[in-house]
C-alpha atoms as a PDB file:
ATOM      1  CA  UNK A   1     147.519 112.484  85.566  1.00  0.00           C
ATOM      2  CA  UNK A   2     146.012 115.552  87.977  1.00  0.00           C
ATOM      3  CA  UNK A   3     142.482 114.687  89.180  1.00  0.00           C
ATOM      4  CA  UNK A   4     140.063 115.958  91.669  1.00  0.00           C
ATOM      5  CA  UNK A   5     139.033 113.169  94.153  1.00  0.00           C
ATOM      6  CA  UNK A   6     136.345 112.596  96.515  1.00  0.00           C
ATOM      7  CA  UNK A   7     136.535 109.756  98.727  1.00  0.00           C
ATOM      8  CA  UNK A   8     133.244 109.588 100.274  1.00  0.00           C
ATOM      9  CA  UNK A   9     129.459 111.188 100.083  1.00  0.00           C
ATOM     10  CA  UNK A  10     129.827 114.785 101.221  1.00  0.00           C
ATOM     11  CA  UNK A  11     133.717 114.309 101.702  1.00  0.00           C
ATOM     12  CA  UNK A  12     136.115 117.240 100.981  1.00  0.00           C
ATOM     13  CA  UNK A  13     137.890 117.224  97.772  1.00  0.00           C
ATOM     14  CA  UNK A  14     141.457 116.890  97.094  1.00  0.00           C
ATOM     15  CA  UNK A  15     143.979 116.854  94.121  1.00  0.00           C
ATOM     16  CA  UNK A  16     145.573 113.559  93.638  1.00  0.00           C
ATOM     17  CA  UNK A  17     147.976 111.761  90.783  1.00  0.00           C
ATOM     18  CA  UNK A  18     146.307 108.997  89.515  1.00  0.00           C
ATOM     19  CA  UNK A  19     146.990 107.022  86.290  1.00  0.00           C
ATOM     20  CA  UNK A  20     145.578 108.236  82.982  1.00  0.00           C
ATOM     21  CA  UNK A  21     142.579 105.738  82.067  1.00  0.00           C
ATOM     22  CA  UNK A  22     142.640 104.066  78.969  1.00  0.00           C
ATOM     23  CA  UNK A  23     139.745 104.010  76.446  1.00  0.00           C
ATOM     24  CA  UNK A  24     137.628 100.710  75.350  1.00  0.00           C
ATOM     25  CA  UNK A  25     136.044  99.881  72.272  1.00  0.00           C
ATOM     26  CA  UNK A  26     133.519 102.769  71.381  1.00  0.00           C
ATOM     27  CA  UNK A  27     135.505 105.171  73.836  1.00  0.00           C
ATOM     28  CA  UNK A  28     137.850 107.905  73.298  1.00  0.00           C
ATOM     29  CA  UNK A  29     140.243 109.810  75.745  1.00  0.00           C
ATOM     30  CA  UNK A  30     139.756 113.508  76.180  1.00  0.00           C
ATOM     31  CA  UNK A  31     142.521 115.864  77.434  1.00  0.00           C
ATOM     32  CA  UNK A  32     140.165 118.216  79.256  1.00  0.00           C
ATOM     33  CA  UNK A  33     140.347 121.877  78.638  1.00  0.00           C
ATOM     34  CA  UNK A  34     137.471 123.258  80.821  1.00  0.00           C
ATOM     35  CA  UNK A  35     134.519 121.894  83.064  1.00  0.00           C
ATOM     36  CA  UNK A  36     131.825 124.118  84.866  1.00  0.00           C
ATOM     37  CA  UNK A  37     130.145 123.562  88.169  1.00  0.00           C
ATOM     38  CA  UNK A  38     126.698 123.146  88.051  1.00  0.00           C
ATOM     39  CA  UNK A  39     123.967 122.461  90.712  1.00  0.00           C
ATOM     40  CA  UNK A  40     123.684 118.897  89.485  1.00  0.00           C
ATOM     41  CA  UNK A  41     127.441 118.543  90.686  1.00  0.00           C
ATOM     42  CA  UNK A  42     126.822 119.786  94.007  1.00  0.00           C
ATOM     43  CA  UNK A  43     124.050 117.252  94.681  1.00  0.00           C
ATOM     44  CA  UNK A  44     126.247 114.599  93.641  1.00  0.00           C
ATOM     45  CA  UNK A  45     129.196 115.651  95.771  1.00  0.00           C
ATOM     46  CA  UNK A  46     126.536 115.649  98.756  1.00  0.00           C
ATOM     47  CA  UNK A  47     125.339 112.102  97.703  1.00  0.00           C
ATOM     48  CA  UNK A  48     122.344 110.264  96.535  1.00  0.00           C
ATOM     49  CA  UNK A  49     122.347 111.755  93.090  1.00  0.00           C
ATOM     50  CA  UNK A  50     122.904 110.677  89.598  1.00  0.00           C
ATOM     51  CA  UNK A  51     124.659 107.204  89.005  1.00  0.00           C
ATOM     52  CA  UNK A  52     125.935 104.898  91.437  1.00  0.00           C
ATOM     53  CA  UNK A  53     129.564 105.462  92.155  1.00  0.00           C
ATOM     54  CA  UNK A  54     132.466 103.538  93.569  1.00  0.00           C
ATOM     55  CA  UNK A  55     134.877 105.608  95.740  1.00  0.00           C
ATOM     56  CA  UNK A  56     137.307 107.316  95.294  1.00  0.00           C
ATOM     57  CA  UNK A  57     135.361 109.259  92.251  1.00  0.00           C
ATOM     58  CA  UNK A  58     136.366 112.184  89.860  1.00  0.00           C
ATOM     59  CA  UNK A  59     133.203 114.331  89.752  1.00  0.00           C
ATOM     60  CA  UNK A  60     132.183 116.310  87.089  1.00  0.00           C
ATOM     61  CA  UNK A  61     129.129 116.040  84.610  1.00  0.00           C
ATOM     62  CA  UNK A  62     130.260 117.746  81.398  1.00  0.00           C
ATOM     63  CA  UNK A  63     133.167 119.762  79.954  1.00  0.00           C
ATOM     64  CA  UNK A  64     135.373 120.106  76.832  1.00  0.00           C
ATOM     65  CA  UNK A  65     138.877 119.172  75.517  1.00  0.00           C
ATOM     66  CA  UNK A  66     140.583 117.436  72.768  1.00  0.00           C
ATOM     67  CA  UNK A  67     140.026 113.706  71.794  1.00  0.00           C
ATOM     68  CA  UNK A  68     143.730 112.406  71.757  1.00  0.00           C
ATOM     69  CA  UNK A  69     143.226 108.600  71.684  1.00  0.00           C
ATOM     70  CA  UNK A  70     140.460 106.054  70.323  1.00  0.00           C
ATOM     71  CA  UNK A  71     139.693 102.949  71.967  1.00  0.00           C
ATOM     72  CA  UNK A  72     138.517 101.369  68.447  1.00  0.00           C
ATOM     73  CA  UNK A  73     135.621 101.759  66.312  1.00  0.00           C
ATOM     74  CA  UNK A  74     134.372 104.077  63.415  1.00  0.00           C
ATOM     75  CA  UNK A  75     133.026 107.145  65.512  1.00  0.00           C
ATOM     76  CA  UNK A  76     136.037 107.235  68.006  1.00  0.00           C
ATOM     77  CA  UNK A  77     138.261 107.482  64.989  1.00  0.00           C
ATOM     78  CA  UNK A  78     136.127 109.959  63.671  1.00  0.00           C
ATOM     79  CA  UNK A  79     136.589 112.232  66.706  1.00  0.00           C
ATOM     80  CA  UNK A  80     140.199 111.930  66.984  1.00  0.00           C
ATOM     81  CA  UNK A  81     142.126 115.348  67.117  1.00  0.00           C
ATOM     82  CA  UNK A  82     138.803 117.424  67.486  1.00  0.00           C
ATOM     83  CA  UNK A  83     137.679 119.712  70.100  1.00  0.00           C
ATOM     84  CA  UNK A  84     134.704 118.604  71.738  1.00  0.00           C
ATOM     85  CA  UNK A  85     131.963 118.994  74.273  1.00  0.00           C
ATOM     86  CA  UNK A  86     131.664 116.095  76.394  1.00  0.00           C
ATOM     87  CA  UNK A  87     129.507 114.355  79.064  1.00  0.00           C
ATOM     88  CA  UNK A  88     130.867 111.925  81.516  1.00  0.00           C
ATOM     89  CA  UNK A  89     129.816 108.222  81.092  1.00  0.00           C
ATOM     90  CA  UNK A  90     127.616 106.806  84.029  1.00  0.00           C
ATOM     91  CA  UNK A  91     130.040 104.592  85.984  1.00  0.00           C
ATOM     92  CA  UNK A  92     133.177 105.881  84.583  1.00  0.00           C
ATOM     93  CA  UNK A  93     135.102 108.847  86.139  1.00  0.00           C
ATOM     94  CA  UNK A  94     134.062 112.278  85.403  1.00  0.00           C
ATOM     95  CA  UNK A  95     135.439 115.528  84.004  1.00  0.00           C
ATOM     96  CA  UNK A  96     137.302 117.135  86.764  1.00  0.00           C
ATOM     97  CA  UNK A  97     140.431 115.784  85.898  1.00  0.00           C
ATOM     98  CA  UNK A  98     143.346 116.413  83.145  1.00  0.00           C
ATOM     99  CA  UNK A  99     142.145 113.323  81.023  1.00  0.00           C
ATOM    100  CA  UNK A 100     138.679 111.655  80.952  1.00  0.00           C
ATOM    101  CA  UNK A 101     137.484 108.385  78.977  1.00  0.00           C
ATOM    102  CA  UNK A 102     133.958 108.946  77.960  1.00  0.00           C
ATOM    103  CA  UNK A 103     131.802 107.112  74.945  1.00  0.00           C
ATOM    104  CA  UNK A 104     132.472 108.619  71.513  1.00  0.00           C
ATOM    105  CA  UNK A 105     128.568 109.186  71.343  1.00  0.00           C
ATOM    106  CA  UNK A 106     128.752 111.572  74.397  1.00  0.00           C
ATOM    107  CA  UNK A 107     131.240 114.057  72.437  1.00  0.00           C
ATOM    108  CA  UNK A 108     130.269 116.381  70.240  1.00  0.00           C
ATOM    109  CA  UNK A 109     132.596 118.489  67.875  1.00  0.00           C
ATOM    110  CA  UNK A 110     132.578 122.072  68.796  1.00  0.00           C
ATOM    111  CA  UNK A 111     132.055 124.909  65.686  1.00  0.00           C
ATOM    112  CA  UNK A 112     134.897 127.020  65.189  1.00  0.00           C
ATOM    113  CA  UNK A 113     133.258 129.868  66.618  1.00  0.00           C
ATOM    114  CA  UNK A 114     132.291 128.376  69.794  1.00  0.00           C
ATOM    115  CA  UNK A 115     135.084 128.445  72.604  1.00  0.00           C
ATOM    116  CA  UNK A 116     136.186 125.549  74.541  1.00  0.00           C
ATOM    117  CA  UNK A 117     134.683 127.363  77.463  1.00  0.00           C
ATOM    118  CA  UNK A 118     131.294 127.890  76.054  1.00  0.00           C
ATOM    119  CA  UNK A 119     131.398 124.306  74.640  1.00  0.00           C
ATOM    120  CA  UNK A 120     132.008 122.983  78.128  1.00  0.00           C
ATOM    121  CA  UNK A 121     128.548 124.221  79.004  1.00  0.00           C
ATOM    122  CA  UNK A 122     126.777 122.483  76.401  1.00  0.00           C
ATOM    123  CA  UNK A 123     125.288 119.551  77.737  1.00  0.00           C
ATOM    124  CA  UNK A 124     123.893 120.062  81.351  1.00  0.00           C
ATOM    125  CA  UNK A 125     121.903 123.342  81.100  1.00  0.00           C
ATOM    126  CA  UNK A 126     120.984 123.723  77.634  1.00  0.00           C
ATOM    127  CA  UNK A 127     119.742 119.995  77.093  1.00  0.00           C
ATOM    128  CA  UNK A 128     117.810 120.280  80.306  1.00  0.00           C
ATOM    129  CA  UNK A 129     116.147 123.298  79.201  1.00  0.00           C
ATOM    130  CA  UNK A 130     115.163 121.504  75.809  1.00  0.00           C
ATOM    131  CA  UNK A 131     114.002 118.534  77.600  1.00  0.00           C
ATOM    132  CA  UNK A 132     111.679 120.575  79.989  1.00  0.00           C
ATOM    133  CA  UNK A 133     110.060 121.942  77.227  1.00  0.00           C
ATOM    134  CA  UNK A 134     109.645 118.889  75.334  1.00  0.00           C
ATOM    135  CA  UNK A 135     107.914 117.397  78.573  1.00  0.00           C
ATOM    136  CA  UNK A 136     105.835 120.845  78.669  1.00  0.00           C
ATOM    137  CA  UNK A 137     104.341 120.304  75.077  1.00  0.00           C
ATOM    138  CA  UNK A 138     103.660 116.572  76.025  1.00  0.00           C
ATOM    139  CA  UNK A 139     101.675 117.550  79.257  1.00  0.00           C
ATOM    140  CA  UNK A 140      99.979 120.443  77.435  1.00  0.00           C
ATOM    141  CA  UNK A 141      98.765 117.950  74.940  1.00  0.00           C
ATOM    142  CA  UNK A 142      97.639 115.621  77.835  1.00  0.00           C
ATOM    143  CA  UNK A 143      95.819 118.659  79.229  1.00  0.00           C
ATOM    144  CA  UNK A 144      94.454 119.675  75.937  1.00  0.00           C
ATOM    145  CA  UNK A 145      95.610 123.339  76.658  1.00  0.00           C
ATOM    146  CA  UNK A 146      98.601 125.433  76.792  1.00  0.00           C
ATOM    147  CA  UNK A 147      99.813 125.137  80.449  1.00  0.00           C
ATOM    148  CA  UNK A 148     101.847 127.416  82.600  1.00  0.00           C
ATOM    149  CA  UNK A 149     105.303 126.474  84.147  1.00  0.00           C
ATOM    150  CA  UNK A 150     106.750 127.177  87.348  1.00  0.00           C
ATOM    151  CA  UNK A 151     110.591 127.208  87.988  1.00  0.00           C
ATOM    152  CA  UNK A 152     112.750 127.361  90.964  1.00  0.00           C
ATOM    153  CA  UNK A 153     116.404 128.374  91.286  1.00  0.00           C
ATOM    154  CA  UNK A 154     115.571 130.852  88.553  1.00  0.00           C
ATOM    155  CA  UNK A 155     118.422 133.065  88.828  1.00  0.00           C
ATOM    156  CA  UNK A 156     120.904 130.215  87.789  1.00  0.00           C
ATOM    157  CA  UNK A 157     122.120 129.840  84.091  1.00  0.00           C
ATOM    158  CA  UNK A 158     119.448 126.963  83.605  1.00  0.00           C
ATOM    159  CA  UNK A 159     116.664 129.345  85.063  1.00  0.00           C
ATOM    160  CA  UNK A 160     117.533 132.200  82.649  1.00  0.00           C
ATOM    161  CA  UNK A 161     117.795 129.633  79.763  1.00  0.00           C
ATOM    162  CA  UNK A 162     114.195 128.754  80.633  1.00  0.00           C
ATOM    163  CA  UNK A 163     113.262 132.357  80.603  1.00  0.00           C
ATOM    164  CA  UNK A 164     114.276 132.997  77.031  1.00  0.00           C
ATOM    165  CA  UNK A 165     112.636 129.700  75.696  1.00  0.00           C
ATOM    166  CA  UNK A 166     109.396 130.485  77.572  1.00  0.00           C
ATOM    167  CA  UNK A 167     109.472 134.056  76.034  1.00  0.00           C
ATOM    168  CA  UNK A 168     110.251 132.559  72.691  1.00  0.00           C
ATOM    169  CA  UNK A 169     107.205 130.113  72.864  1.00  0.00           C
ATOM    170  CA  UNK A 170     104.889 132.558  74.580  1.00  0.00           C
ATOM    171  CA  UNK A 171     104.287 130.072  77.492  1.00  0.00           C
ATOM    172  CA  UNK A 172     103.506 131.576  80.833  1.00  0.00           C
ATOM    173  CA  UNK A 173     106.488 131.067  83.288  1.00  0.00           C
ATOM    174  CA  UNK A 174     106.520 131.999  87.011  1.00  0.00           C
ATOM    175  CA  UNK A 175     110.161 132.250  88.104  1.00  0.00           C
ATOM    176  CA  UNK A 176     110.908 131.528  92.063  1.00  0.00           C
ATOM    177  CA  UNK A 177     114.124 132.992  93.644  1.00  0.00           C
ATOM    178  CA  UNK A 178     114.997 133.368  97.302  1.00  0.00           C
ATOM    179  CA  UNK A 179     116.908 136.761  97.236  1.00  0.00           C
ATOM    180  CA  UNK A 180     114.912 140.082  96.884  1.00  0.00           C
ATOM    181  CA  UNK A 181     117.859 141.431  94.713  1.00  0.00           C
ATOM    182  CA  UNK A 182     117.488 138.638  91.986  1.00  0.00           C
ATOM    183  CA  UNK A 183     114.165 140.192  90.959  1.00  0.00           C
ATOM    184  CA  UNK A 184     115.506 142.791  89.059  1.00  0.00           C
ATOM    185  CA  UNK A 185     118.163 140.499  87.409  1.00  0.00           C
ATOM    186  CA  UNK A 186     115.386 138.312  86.358  1.00  0.00           C
ATOM    187  CA  UNK A 187     113.060 141.216  85.038  1.00  0.00           C
ATOM    188  CA  UNK A 188     116.023 142.624  82.913  1.00  0.00           C
ATOM    189  CA  UNK A 189     116.346 139.186  81.575  1.00  0.00           C
ATOM    190  CA  UNK A 190     112.930 139.091  80.313  1.00  0.00           C
ATOM    191  CA  UNK A 191     110.975 137.408  83.271  1.00  0.00           C
ATOM    192  CA  UNK A 192     107.360 138.698  83.442  1.00  0.00           C
ATOM    193  CA  UNK A 193     106.453 136.908  86.802  1.00  0.00           C
ATOM    194  CA  UNK A 194     108.920 136.450  89.491  1.00  0.00           C
ATOM    195  CA  UNK A 195     108.323 135.314  93.378  1.00  0.00           C
ATOM    196  CA  UNK A 196     110.407 135.343  96.054  1.00  0.00           C
ATOM    197  CA  UNK A 197     109.982 132.154  98.170  1.00  0.00           C
ATOM    198  CA  UNK A 198     111.258 133.909 101.268  1.00  0.00           C
ATOM    199  CA  UNK A 199     108.519 136.893 100.919  1.00  0.00           C
ATOM    200  CA  UNK A 200     105.543 136.213 103.906  1.00  0.00           C
ATOM    201  CA  UNK A 201     103.180 136.113 101.089  1.00  0.00           C
ATOM    202  CA  UNK A 202     104.707 133.811  98.725  1.00  0.00           C
ATOM    203  CA  UNK A 203     102.651 130.709  99.048  1.00  0.00           C
ATOM    204  CA  UNK A 204      99.244 132.661  98.601  1.00  0.00           C
ATOM    205  CA  UNK A 205     100.512 134.856  95.907  1.00  0.00           C
ATOM    206  CA  UNK A 206     101.943 131.687  94.303  1.00  0.00           C
ATOM    207  CA  UNK A 207      98.563 129.884  94.464  1.00  0.00           C
ATOM    208  CA  UNK A 208      96.681 132.874  93.123  1.00  0.00           C
ATOM    209  CA  UNK A 209      99.014 133.179  89.937  1.00  0.00           C
ATOM    210  CA  UNK A 210      99.200 129.425  89.478  1.00  0.00           C
ATOM    211  CA  UNK A 211      95.334 129.218  88.940  1.00  0.00           C
ATOM    212  CA  UNK A 212      95.608 132.106  86.785  1.00  0.00           C
ATOM    213  CA  UNK A 213      98.064 131.121  84.370  1.00  0.00           C
ATOM    214  CA  UNK A 214      97.208 127.111  84.764  1.00  0.00           C
ATOM    215  CA  UNK A 215     100.910 126.884  86.124  1.00  0.00           C
ATOM    216  CA  UNK A 216     100.304 122.850  86.303  1.00  0.00           C
ATOM    217  CA  UNK A 217     103.946 121.952  85.568  1.00  0.00           C
ATOM    218  CA  UNK A 218     106.723 122.511  88.086  1.00  0.00           C
ATOM    219  CA  UNK A 219     110.286 122.097  87.790  1.00  0.00           C
ATOM    220  CA  UNK A 220     112.115 122.244  91.123  1.00  0.00           C
ATOM    221  CA  UNK A 221     116.042 122.259  91.759  1.00  0.00           C
ATOM    222  CA  UNK A 222     115.610 123.135  95.123  1.00  0.00           C
ATOM    223  CA  UNK A 223     113.914 120.233  97.144  1.00  0.00           C
ATOM    224  CA  UNK A 224     113.216 120.095 100.866  1.00  0.00           C
ATOM    225  CA  UNK A 225     110.185 122.011 102.378  1.00  0.00           C
ATOM    226  CA  UNK A 226     109.881 124.371  99.341  1.00  0.00           C
ATOM    227  CA  UNK A 227     108.813 121.156  97.334  1.00  0.00           C
ATOM    228  CA  UNK A 228     105.707 120.512  99.412  1.00  0.00           C
ATOM    229  CA  UNK A 229     104.707 124.327  99.478  1.00  0.00           C
ATOM    230  CA  UNK A 230     105.027 124.352  95.600  1.00  0.00           C
ATOM    231  CA  UNK A 231     102.650 121.385  95.360  1.00  0.00           C
ATOM    232  CA  UNK A 232     100.125 122.800  97.741  1.00  0.00           C
ATOM    233  CA  UNK A 233     100.177 125.790  95.685  1.00  0.00           C
ATOM    234  CA  UNK A 234      99.530 124.605  92.238  1.00  0.00           C
ATOM    235  CA  UNK A 235      95.883 123.408  90.662  1.00  0.00           C
ATOM    236  CA  UNK A 236      94.714 119.907  90.720  1.00  0.00           C
ATOM    237  CA  UNK A 237      96.158 117.611  88.334  1.00  0.00           C
ATOM    238  CA  UNK A 238      99.716 119.311  88.415  1.00  0.00           C
ATOM    239  CA  UNK A 239     102.929 117.529  87.813  1.00  0.00           C
ATOM    240  CA  UNK A 240     105.998 118.477  89.463  1.00  0.00           C
ATOM    241  CA  UNK A 241     109.463 117.206  88.532  1.00  0.00           C
ATOM    242  CA  UNK A 242     112.462 117.599  90.944  1.00  0.00           C
ATOM    243  CA  UNK A 243     115.644 117.658  89.220  1.00  0.00           C
ATOM    244  CA  UNK A 244     117.993 119.142  92.001  1.00  0.00           C
ATOM    245  CA  UNK A 245     118.877 118.951  96.025  1.00  0.00           C
ATOM    246  CA  UNK A 246     119.862 122.431  96.737  1.00  0.00           C
ATOM    247  CA  UNK A 247     118.185 122.128  99.926  1.00  0.00           C
ATOM    248  CA  UNK A 248     119.953 119.770 102.398  1.00  0.00           C
ATOM    249  CA  UNK A 249     116.377 119.332 104.039  1.00  0.00           C
ATOM    250  CA  UNK A 250     114.072 116.277 103.127  1.00  0.00           C
ATOM    251  CA  UNK A 251     110.957 116.905 101.152  1.00  0.00           C
ATOM    252  CA  UNK A 252     107.697 116.470 102.726  1.00  0.00           C
ATOM    253  CA  UNK A 253     104.192 116.491 100.947  1.00  0.00           C
ATOM    254  CA  UNK A 254     100.579 117.128 102.072  1.00  0.00           C
ATOM    255  CA  UNK A 255      98.982 113.530 101.200  1.00  0.00           C
ATOM    256  CA  UNK A 256      95.674 115.156  99.861  1.00  0.00           C
ATOM    257  CA  UNK A 257      97.473 116.522  96.944  1.00  0.00           C
ATOM    258  CA  UNK A 258      98.010 113.181  95.789  1.00  0.00           C
ATOM    259  CA  UNK A 259      94.642 111.510  97.074  1.00  0.00           C
ATOM    260  CA  UNK A 260      92.097 113.987  95.868  1.00  0.00           C
ATOM    261  CA  UNK A 261      93.690 116.483  93.629  1.00  0.00           C
ATOM    262  CA  UNK A 262      95.675 114.109  91.599  1.00  0.00           C
ATOM    263  CA  UNK A 263      98.670 115.851  91.594  1.00  0.00           C
ATOM    264  CA  UNK A 264     101.923 113.822  90.937  1.00  0.00           C
ATOM    265  CA  UNK A 265     105.714 114.178  91.847  1.00  0.00           C
ATOM    266  CA  UNK A 266     108.586 112.681  89.607  1.00  0.00           C
ATOM    267  CA  UNK A 267     112.333 112.931  89.096  1.00  0.00           C
ATOM    268  CA  UNK A 268     114.388 114.050  86.366  1.00  0.00           C
ATOM    269  CA  UNK A 269     117.743 113.091  85.423  1.00  0.00           C
ATOM    270  CA  UNK A 270     119.002 114.393  81.890  1.00  0.00           C
ATOM    271  CA  UNK A 271     120.837 110.919  81.301  1.00  0.00           C
ATOM    272  CA  UNK A 272     117.665 109.170  81.815  1.00  0.00           C
ATOM    273  CA  UNK A 273     115.594 111.267  79.814  1.00  0.00           C
ATOM    274  CA  UNK A 274     117.933 111.254  76.757  1.00  0.00           C
ATOM    275  CA  UNK A 275     118.323 107.230  76.783  1.00  0.00           C
ATOM    276  CA  UNK A 276     114.085 107.303  76.677  1.00  0.00           C
ATOM    277  CA  UNK A 277     114.034 109.849  74.124  1.00  0.00           C
ATOM    278  CA  UNK A 278     115.894 108.017  71.550  1.00  0.00           C
ATOM    279  CA  UNK A 279     118.774 108.546  69.172  1.00  0.00           C
ATOM    280  CA  UNK A 280     116.378 110.680  66.798  1.00  0.00           C
ATOM    281  CA  UNK A 281     115.589 113.151  69.763  1.00  0.00           C
ATOM    282  CA  UNK A 282     119.194 113.085  71.015  1.00  0.00           C
ATOM    283  CA  UNK A 283     120.360 114.169  67.821  1.00  0.00           C
ATOM    284  CA  UNK A 284     117.889 116.868  67.416  1.00  0.00           C
ATOM    285  CA  UNK A 285     118.405 118.072  70.688  1.00  0.00           C
ATOM    286  CA  UNK A 286     122.108 118.344  70.117  1.00  0.00           C
ATOM    287  CA  UNK A 287     121.509 120.074  66.948  1.00  0.00           C
ATOM    288  CA  UNK A 288     119.331 122.704  68.406  1.00  0.00           C
ATOM    289  CA  UNK A 289     121.787 123.390  71.260  1.00  0.00           C
ATOM    290  CA  UNK A 290     124.577 124.038  68.489  1.00  0.00           C
ATOM    291  CA  UNK A 291     122.307 126.563  66.782  1.00  0.00           C
ATOM    292  CA  UNK A 292     121.502 128.536  70.197  1.00  0.00           C
ATOM    293  CA  UNK A 293     124.958 128.242  72.082  1.00  0.00           C
ATOM    294  CA  UNK A 294     126.143 131.791  70.919  1.00  0.00           C
ATOM    295  CA  UNK A 295     122.855 133.577  71.839  1.00  0.00           C
ATOM    296  CA  UNK A 296     119.866 132.148  74.001  1.00  0.00           C
ATOM    297  CA  UNK A 297     122.104 129.268  75.399  1.00  0.00           C
ATOM    298  CA  UNK A 298     125.208 131.367  75.611  1.00  0.00           C
ATOM    299  CA  UNK A 299     126.526 131.265  79.234  1.00  0.00           C
ATOM    300  CA  UNK A 300     128.303 134.043  81.208  1.00  0.00           C
ATOM    301  CA  UNK A 301     131.508 133.062  83.135  1.00  0.00           C
ATOM    302  CA  UNK A 302     131.633 134.511  86.649  1.00  0.00           C
ATOM    303  CA  UNK A 303     135.346 133.183  87.478  1.00  0.00           C
ATOM    304  CA  UNK A 304     137.576 130.569  86.322  1.00  0.00           C
ATOM    305  CA  UNK A 305     139.643 128.552  89.083  1.00  0.00           C
ATOM    306  CA  UNK A 306     142.753 125.793  88.906  1.00  0.00           C
ATOM    307  CA  UNK A 307     142.002 121.986  90.090  1.00  0.00           C
ATOM    308  CA  UNK A 308     143.921 122.891  93.281  1.00  0.00           C
ATOM    309  CA  UNK A 309     141.330 125.700  94.040  1.00  0.00           C
ATOM    310  CA  UNK A 310     138.363 123.203  93.724  1.00  0.00           C
ATOM    311  CA  UNK A 311     137.100 124.183  97.451  1.00  0.00           C
ATOM    312  CA  UNK A 312     137.344 127.903  96.896  1.00  0.00           C
ATOM    313  CA  UNK A 313     135.633 127.461  93.326  1.00  0.00           C
ATOM    314  CA  UNK A 314     132.492 125.613  94.918  1.00  0.00           C
ATOM    315  CA  UNK A 315     132.325 128.035  97.700  1.00  0.00           C
ATOM    316  CA  UNK A 316     132.191 130.848  95.148  1.00  0.00           C
ATOM    317  CA  UNK A 317     129.700 129.230  93.062  1.00  0.00           C
ATOM    318  CA  UNK A 318     127.391 128.254  95.930  1.00  0.00           C
ATOM    319  CA  UNK A 319     127.614 132.165  97.033  1.00  0.00           C
ATOM    320  CA  UNK A 320     127.281 133.561  93.363  1.00  0.00           C
ATOM    321  CA  UNK A 321     124.912 131.299  91.379  1.00  0.00           C
ATOM    322  CA  UNK A 322     123.317 134.230  89.814  1.00  0.00           C
ATOM    323  CA  UNK A 323     126.351 136.098  88.619  1.00  0.00           C
ATOM    324  CA  UNK A 324     127.451 133.286  85.965  1.00  0.00           C
ATOM    325  CA  UNK A 325     129.286 129.876  85.670  1.00  0.00           C
ATOM    326  CA  UNK A 326     132.455 128.964  87.726  1.00  0.00           C
ATOM    327  CA  UNK A 327     134.607 127.041  85.405  1.00  0.00           C
ATOM    328  CA  UNK A 328     137.711 124.753  86.454  1.00  0.00           C
ATOM    329  CA  UNK A 329     140.557 125.060  83.833  1.00  0.00           C
ATOM    330  CA  UNK A 330     143.045 122.263  83.212  1.00  0.00           C
END
């Protein structure tokens, strides 16, 4: 089969012919149709993000396709012949190939009204958005009040999903972007508070607004120096989750935030959240995503590429994240 391959962290991608994998018990073989590029994929390619990998590796965290073979078991047999949204299984090869083996539990049959392209984007962004609001509800309960949220890389598809959910639940949200032209885009998407991290008054403005809105929960996709600036700006007792590495810089923090102001920094990985949430929460999350996939969780597609155009596809996505998703078609 044709597969996109990376041979080392940060290494160039290439297209190679490799054997079609065989599913084991509880697993299925999916003939891939589409797979998006997400910020998490870029972080994975850079290295130090997601599950440990053995090179050469096939990247890609999510996609869609048709289940064409079962490795045995009740659920794999039930998935046979179905068009599914699918997620890569940790320590297995990813979605950027003509075929992928994954667990049957990581495949969700798509409703007839949902296209394979929309289905390919069902896992990473929608489930992350719902996970963030689950974390918000728990943290608000802990604090005894409805707290506000700060989210970075807010012009991304995930960022715009978070805006819709925050508006639906009437939760104060500060959306952080880094290009002035993105402000109007997010205002049109329903965002009330949008700040440009490149503006000279960003740090002071964020500090004042975070205090006013009780914005004590930060979801940061960028990392680097921005993480430290965000932590400096939020009120005492705030908590930050770093869930991406769009910046190549190392994070640095003022120790006083941890010592005297009791601020916390944690990491977030969707696979870990789903595992810790348990089966019932996972099923509830999947059902919610399926209901919202045609409206709040619908993702616009900016461009489509073939596997042979993967380098161009990644460059296009890096430069145009706010314009919609970039899809690899197989």
